[in-house]
Amino acid sequence: MNDPAVLDLAARVTYAVDPDSDYPKHFTGEVMVETRDGRMLRHREAINRGASDRPLSNADIDAKYFENAARTVDATRAAHIRAAVLDLHLHPASALGDILAGATAPQGVSA
């Protein structure tokens, strides 16, 4: 957090509550960027991805899971965790705890 470029950018960022938000039904958001030549670029998400009005596909959920999991575990471990969660109804919860702790891989899973 001591990178001068990051600190410079952070000093130019502001935040305001969206008066048109229908939170908590949706997690709306808008980004507005004013360019050096004065143009205003805007993008608004009126309905967040994953809301009931804009559901994610199973493939989208998998992709999002693996993208986030890659921040802390390798692909093989992420696949083992995913399998354990999806099979949670077949095993005691302690089995998931063991997998999260890295003690074991789920039976029958090969990543």
N, C-alpha and C. Protein backbone atom coordinates (compact mmCIF):
# COMPACT_ATOMS: atom_id res chain seq x y z
N MET A 1 0.81 -1.20 0.00
CA MET A 1 0.00 0.00 0.00
C MET A 1 0.86 1.27 0.00
N ASN A 2 2.14 1.11 -0.25
CA ASN A 2 3.01 2.28 -0.33
C ASN A 2 3.40 2.62 -1.75
N ASP A 3 2.80 1.96 -2.73
CA ASP A 3 3.11 2.20 -4.13
C ASP A 3 2.59 3.59 -4.50
N PRO A 4 3.46 4.49 -4.93
CA PRO A 4 3.02 5.85 -5.26
C PRO A 4 1.92 5.91 -6.32
N ALA A 5 1.97 5.02 -7.32
CA ALA A 5 0.94 5.03 -8.36
C ALA A 5 -0.42 4.65 -7.77
N VAL A 6 -0.45 3.67 -6.87
CA VAL A 6 -1.70 3.26 -6.22
C VAL A 6 -2.22 4.38 -5.33
N LEU A 7 -1.33 4.99 -4.57
CA LEU A 7 -1.74 6.08 -3.69
C LEU A 7 -2.26 7.28 -4.48
N ASP A 8 -1.62 7.57 -5.62
CA ASP A 8 -2.07 8.66 -6.47
C ASP A 8 -3.48 8.40 -7.01
N LEU A 9 -3.71 7.18 -7.49
CA LEU A 9 -5.04 6.82 -7.98
C LEU A 9 -6.06 6.88 -6.85
N ALA A 10 -5.73 6.34 -5.70
CA ALA A 10 -6.66 6.33 -4.56
C ALA A 10 -7.05 7.75 -4.16
N ALA A 11 -6.14 8.68 -4.27
CA ALA A 11 -6.42 10.06 -3.90
C ALA A 11 -7.43 10.71 -4.85
N ARG A 12 -7.58 10.14 -6.04
CA ARG A 12 -8.49 10.71 -7.03
C ARG A 12 -9.83 9.99 -7.09
N VAL A 13 -10.05 9.00 -6.23
CA VAL A 13 -11.28 8.22 -6.23
C VAL A 13 -12.22 8.75 -5.16
N THR A 14 -13.49 8.89 -5.51
CA THR A 14 -14.51 9.29 -4.53
C THR A 14 -15.64 8.27 -4.57
N TYR A 15 -16.51 8.35 -3.60
CA TYR A 15 -17.62 7.42 -3.45
C TYR A 15 -18.85 8.20 -3.04
N ALA A 16 -19.97 7.78 -3.56
CA ALA A 16 -21.25 8.38 -3.14
C ALA A 16 -22.31 7.29 -3.11
N VAL A 17 -23.24 7.41 -2.19
CA VAL A 17 -24.36 6.49 -2.11
C VAL A 17 -25.27 6.73 -3.32
N ASP A 18 -25.70 5.65 -3.95
CA ASP A 18 -26.54 5.75 -5.14
C ASP A 18 -27.99 6.00 -4.71
N PRO A 19 -28.54 7.16 -5.01
CA PRO A 19 -29.91 7.45 -4.59
C PRO A 19 -30.95 6.62 -5.34
N ASP A 20 -30.56 6.02 -6.47
CA ASP A 20 -31.48 5.21 -7.26
C ASP A 20 -31.38 3.71 -6.95
N SER A 21 -30.57 3.35 -5.98
CA SER A 21 -30.38 1.94 -5.64
C SER A 21 -31.65 1.34 -5.05
N ASP A 22 -31.92 0.09 -5.41
CA ASP A 22 -33.04 -0.61 -4.78
C ASP A 22 -32.53 -1.67 -3.79
N TYR A 23 -31.35 -1.40 -3.22
CA TYR A 23 -30.78 -2.26 -2.18
C TYR A 23 -31.81 -2.43 -1.08
N PRO A 24 -32.01 -3.58 -0.51
CA PRO A 24 -31.20 -4.79 -0.62
C PRO A 24 -31.65 -5.78 -1.69
N LYS A 25 -32.66 -5.43 -2.49
CA LYS A 25 -33.09 -6.36 -3.54
C LYS A 25 -31.95 -6.63 -4.52
N HIS A 26 -31.25 -5.59 -4.91
CA HIS A 26 -30.11 -5.72 -5.82
C HIS A 26 -28.93 -4.93 -5.27
N PHE A 27 -27.75 -5.36 -5.62
CA PHE A 27 -26.53 -4.65 -5.25
C PHE A 27 -26.09 -3.87 -6.48
N THR A 28 -26.74 -2.73 -6.70
CA THR A 28 -26.46 -1.92 -7.87
C THR A 28 -25.11 -1.24 -7.72
N GLY A 29 -24.62 -0.77 -8.84
CA GLY A 29 -23.38 -0.03 -8.80
C GLY A 29 -23.13 0.68 -10.10
N GLU A 30 -22.34 1.73 -10.02
CA GLU A 30 -21.99 2.49 -11.21
C GLU A 30 -20.56 2.98 -11.05
N VAL A 31 -19.83 2.93 -12.14
CA VAL A 31 -18.48 3.48 -12.18
C VAL A 31 -18.51 4.64 -13.16
N MET A 32 -17.97 5.76 -12.73
CA MET A 32 -17.85 6.93 -13.59
C MET A 32 -16.38 7.35 -13.59
N VAL A 33 -15.83 7.50 -14.79
CA VAL A 33 -14.43 7.89 -14.92
C VAL A 33 -14.38 9.15 -15.77
N GLU A 34 -13.76 10.18 -15.21
CA GLU A 34 -13.55 11.39 -15.98
C GLU A 34 -12.13 11.35 -16.53
N THR A 35 -12.03 11.40 -17.85
CA THR A 35 -10.72 11.32 -18.50
C THR A 35 -10.02 12.68 -18.44
N ARG A 36 -8.73 12.67 -18.72
CA ARG A 36 -7.97 13.92 -18.68
C ARG A 36 -8.49 14.94 -19.67
N ASP A 37 -9.12 14.47 -20.76
CA ASP A 37 -9.64 15.43 -21.75
C ASP A 37 -11.08 15.84 -21.43
N GLY A 38 -11.59 15.45 -20.25
CA GLY A 38 -12.90 15.92 -19.80
C GLY A 38 -14.07 15.02 -20.12
N ARG A 39 -13.84 13.93 -20.86
CA ARG A 39 -14.95 13.02 -21.16
C ARG A 39 -15.35 12.26 -19.89
N MET A 40 -16.64 11.92 -19.80
CA MET A 40 -17.14 11.13 -18.68
C MET A 40 -17.56 9.77 -19.21
N LEU A 41 -16.89 8.72 -18.76
CA LEU A 41 -17.23 7.35 -19.12
C LEU A 41 -17.99 6.74 -17.96
N ARG A 42 -19.11 6.07 -18.27
CA ARG A 42 -19.97 5.51 -17.21
C ARG A 42 -20.39 4.09 -17.55
N HIS A 43 -20.51 3.29 -16.52
CA HIS A 43 -21.12 1.96 -16.66
C HIS A 43 -21.92 1.68 -15.40
N ARG A 44 -23.16 1.27 -15.57
CA ARG A 44 -24.05 0.99 -14.44
C ARG A 44 -24.52 -0.45 -14.50
N GLU A 45 -24.51 -1.10 -13.37
CA GLU A 45 -25.10 -2.44 -13.20
C GLU A 45 -26.33 -2.25 -12.34
N ALA A 46 -27.50 -2.23 -12.97
CA ALA A 46 -28.74 -2.03 -12.23
C ALA A 46 -29.14 -3.28 -11.46
N ILE A 47 -28.79 -4.44 -12.02
CA ILE A 47 -29.07 -5.72 -11.36
C ILE A 47 -27.77 -6.51 -11.36
N ASN A 48 -27.27 -6.80 -10.17
CA ASN A 48 -26.00 -7.50 -10.07
C ASN A 48 -26.08 -8.93 -10.57
N ARG A 49 -24.99 -9.40 -11.18
CA ARG A 49 -24.92 -10.80 -11.61
C ARG A 49 -25.09 -11.68 -10.38
N GLY A 50 -25.91 -12.70 -10.52
CA GLY A 50 -26.15 -13.61 -9.41
C GLY A 50 -27.45 -13.32 -8.67
N ALA A 51 -28.05 -12.17 -8.93
CA ALA A 51 -29.35 -11.87 -8.32
C ALA A 51 -30.41 -12.77 -8.96
N SER A 52 -31.53 -12.92 -8.30
CA SER A 52 -32.58 -13.80 -8.84
C SER A 52 -33.07 -13.32 -10.21
N ASP A 53 -32.97 -12.01 -10.46
CA ASP A 53 -33.38 -11.46 -11.75
C ASP A 53 -32.30 -11.58 -12.82
N ARG A 54 -31.11 -12.01 -12.42
CA ARG A 54 -29.98 -12.15 -13.35
C ARG A 54 -29.08 -13.29 -12.86
N PRO A 55 -29.62 -14.52 -12.85
CA PRO A 55 -28.89 -15.64 -12.25
C PRO A 55 -27.64 -16.02 -13.02
N LEU A 56 -26.72 -16.62 -12.30
CA LEU A 56 -25.51 -17.17 -12.90
C LEU A 56 -25.78 -18.60 -13.34
N SER A 57 -25.15 -19.00 -14.43
CA SER A 57 -25.24 -20.41 -14.85
C SER A 57 -24.32 -21.23 -13.96
N ASN A 58 -24.48 -22.55 -13.98
CA ASN A 58 -23.58 -23.42 -13.22
C ASN A 58 -22.14 -23.22 -13.67
N ALA A 59 -21.93 -23.04 -14.97
CA ALA A 59 -20.57 -22.82 -15.48
C ALA A 59 -20.00 -21.50 -14.95
N ASP A 60 -20.85 -20.46 -14.85
CA ASP A 60 -20.41 -19.18 -14.30
C ASP A 60 -20.02 -19.33 -12.83
N ILE A 61 -20.80 -20.10 -12.09
CA ILE A 61 -20.52 -20.30 -10.66
C ILE A 61 -19.20 -21.05 -10.50
N ASP A 62 -19.01 -22.11 -11.29
CA ASP A 62 -17.74 -22.85 -11.25
C ASP A 62 -16.56 -21.93 -11.57
N ALA A 63 -16.70 -21.15 -12.63
CA ALA A 63 -15.60 -20.25 -13.04
C ALA A 63 -15.29 -19.25 -11.93
N LYS A 64 -16.32 -18.69 -11.33
CA LYS A 64 -16.12 -17.72 -10.25
C LYS A 64 -15.46 -18.40 -9.05
N TYR A 65 -15.90 -19.60 -8.71
CA TYR A 65 -15.30 -20.33 -7.59
C TYR A 65 -13.81 -20.56 -7.85
N PHE A 66 -13.47 -21.11 -9.02
CA PHE A 66 -12.08 -21.43 -9.29
C PHE A 66 -11.22 -20.17 -9.38
N GLU A 67 -11.76 -19.09 -9.90
CA GLU A 67 -11.01 -17.83 -9.96
C GLU A 67 -10.68 -17.34 -8.55
N ASN A 68 -11.65 -17.41 -7.65
CA ASN A 68 -11.41 -16.98 -6.27
C ASN A 68 -10.53 -17.96 -5.51
N ALA A 69 -10.76 -19.25 -5.70
CA ALA A 69 -9.97 -20.26 -4.99
C ALA A 69 -8.50 -20.18 -5.38
N ALA A 70 -8.22 -19.83 -6.64
CA ALA A 70 -6.84 -19.76 -7.13
C ALA A 70 -6.01 -18.73 -6.36
N ARG A 71 -6.67 -17.85 -5.65
CA ARG A 71 -5.95 -16.86 -4.86
C ARG A 71 -5.24 -17.48 -3.67
N THR A 72 -5.71 -18.66 -3.22
CA THR A 72 -5.14 -19.25 -2.01
C THR A 72 -4.75 -20.71 -2.13
N VAL A 73 -5.31 -21.45 -3.09
CA VAL A 73 -4.98 -22.88 -3.21
C VAL A 73 -4.73 -23.22 -4.67
N ASP A 74 -4.02 -24.32 -4.89
CA ASP A 74 -3.77 -24.73 -6.27
C ASP A 74 -5.03 -25.38 -6.86
N ALA A 75 -5.02 -25.61 -8.18
CA ALA A 75 -6.20 -26.10 -8.89
C ALA A 75 -6.66 -27.46 -8.38
N THR A 76 -5.72 -28.34 -8.06
CA THR A 76 -6.08 -29.67 -7.56
C THR A 76 -6.81 -29.58 -6.23
N ARG A 77 -6.28 -28.77 -5.33
CA ARG A 77 -6.93 -28.61 -4.02
C ARG A 77 -8.29 -27.94 -4.18
N ALA A 78 -8.37 -26.96 -5.06
CA ALA A 78 -9.66 -26.29 -5.31
C ALA A 78 -10.69 -27.30 -5.82
N ALA A 79 -10.27 -28.20 -6.70
CA ALA A 79 -11.19 -29.22 -7.23
C ALA A 79 -11.63 -30.16 -6.11
N HIS A 80 -10.73 -30.53 -5.21
CA HIS A 80 -11.09 -31.40 -4.08
C HIS A 80 -12.11 -30.71 -3.17
N ILE A 81 -11.88 -29.43 -2.90
CA ILE A 81 -12.81 -28.69 -2.04
C ILE A 81 -14.18 -28.59 -2.71
N ARG A 82 -14.19 -28.28 -4.00
CA ARG A 82 -15.45 -28.19 -4.73
C ARG A 82 -16.22 -29.50 -4.66
N ALA A 83 -15.51 -30.61 -4.91
CA ALA A 83 -16.15 -31.92 -4.88
C ALA A 83 -16.73 -32.22 -3.50
N ALA A 84 -15.98 -31.88 -2.46
CA ALA A 84 -16.45 -32.14 -1.09
C ALA A 84 -17.70 -31.32 -0.77
N VAL A 85 -17.74 -30.09 -1.22
CA VAL A 85 -18.92 -29.25 -0.97
C VAL A 85 -20.12 -29.81 -1.73
N LEU A 86 -19.92 -30.18 -2.99
CA LEU A 86 -21.04 -30.70 -3.78
C LEU A 86 -21.54 -32.05 -3.27
N ASP A 87 -20.66 -32.80 -2.61
CA ASP A 87 -21.04 -34.10 -2.05
C ASP A 87 -21.30 -34.04 -0.55
N LEU A 88 -21.49 -32.86 -0.03
CA LEU A 88 -21.66 -32.69 1.42
C LEU A 88 -22.79 -33.53 1.97
N HIS A 89 -23.83 -33.74 1.18
CA HIS A 89 -24.97 -34.53 1.64
C HIS A 89 -24.63 -36.02 1.77
N LEU A 90 -23.49 -36.45 1.24
CA LEU A 90 -23.09 -37.86 1.28
C LEU A 90 -22.15 -38.20 2.42
N HIS A 91 -21.56 -37.19 3.06
CA HIS A 91 -20.53 -37.42 4.07
C HIS A 91 -20.77 -36.54 5.29
N PRO A 92 -20.20 -36.91 6.42
CA PRO A 92 -20.32 -36.04 7.59
C PRO A 92 -19.61 -34.71 7.34
N ALA A 93 -20.08 -33.66 7.98
CA ALA A 93 -19.47 -32.34 7.81
C ALA A 93 -18.00 -32.34 8.18
N SER A 94 -17.60 -33.22 9.08
CA SER A 94 -16.20 -33.29 9.47
C SER A 94 -15.30 -33.66 8.30
N ALA A 95 -15.83 -34.38 7.31
CA ALA A 95 -15.04 -34.74 6.13
C ALA A 95 -14.67 -33.47 5.35
N LEU A 96 -15.61 -32.54 5.25
CA LEU A 96 -15.30 -31.27 4.60
C LEU A 96 -14.25 -30.52 5.40
N GLY A 97 -14.37 -30.54 6.72
CA GLY A 97 -13.37 -29.89 7.57
C GLY A 97 -11.99 -30.46 7.34
N ASP A 98 -11.89 -31.78 7.20
CA ASP A 98 -10.60 -32.41 6.93
C ASP A 98 -10.02 -31.95 5.60
N ILE A 99 -10.87 -31.86 4.59
CA ILE A 99 -10.41 -31.43 3.27
C ILE A 99 -9.97 -29.97 3.31
N LEU A 100 -10.73 -29.13 3.98
CA LEU A 100 -10.35 -27.72 4.10
C LEU A 100 -9.04 -27.57 4.85
N ALA A 101 -8.81 -28.43 5.82
CA ALA A 101 -7.56 -28.40 6.57
C ALA A 101 -6.41 -29.01 5.79
N GLY A 102 -6.72 -29.62 4.65
CA GLY A 102 -5.66 -30.20 3.83
C GLY A 102 -5.24 -31.58 4.25
N ALA A 103 -6.03 -32.21 5.13
CA ALA A 103 -5.65 -33.50 5.66
C ALA A 103 -5.90 -34.65 4.69
N THR A 104 -6.84 -34.48 3.78
CA THR A 104 -7.22 -35.58 2.90
C THR A 104 -7.86 -35.04 1.63
N ALA A 105 -8.00 -35.90 0.66
CA ALA A 105 -8.75 -35.59 -0.55
C ALA A 105 -10.03 -36.43 -0.51
N PRO A 106 -11.12 -35.97 -1.09
CA PRO A 106 -12.34 -36.75 -1.07
C PRO A 106 -12.14 -38.06 -1.84
N GLN A 107 -12.77 -39.10 -1.34
CA GLN A 107 -12.66 -40.40 -2.00
C GLN A 107 -13.29 -40.35 -3.38
N GLY A 108 -12.62 -40.98 -4.32
CA GLY A 108 -13.16 -41.06 -5.68
C GLY A 108 -12.95 -39.80 -6.50
N VAL A 109 -12.24 -38.82 -5.97
CA VAL A 109 -12.02 -37.58 -6.71
C VAL A 109 -10.61 -37.57 -7.26
N SER A 110 -10.52 -37.33 -8.53
CA SER A 110 -9.20 -37.12 -9.12
C SER A 110 -9.26 -35.79 -9.87
N ALA A 111 -8.31 -34.95 -9.59
CA ALA A 111 -8.32 -33.62 -10.20
C ALA A 111 -7.34 -33.54 -11.34
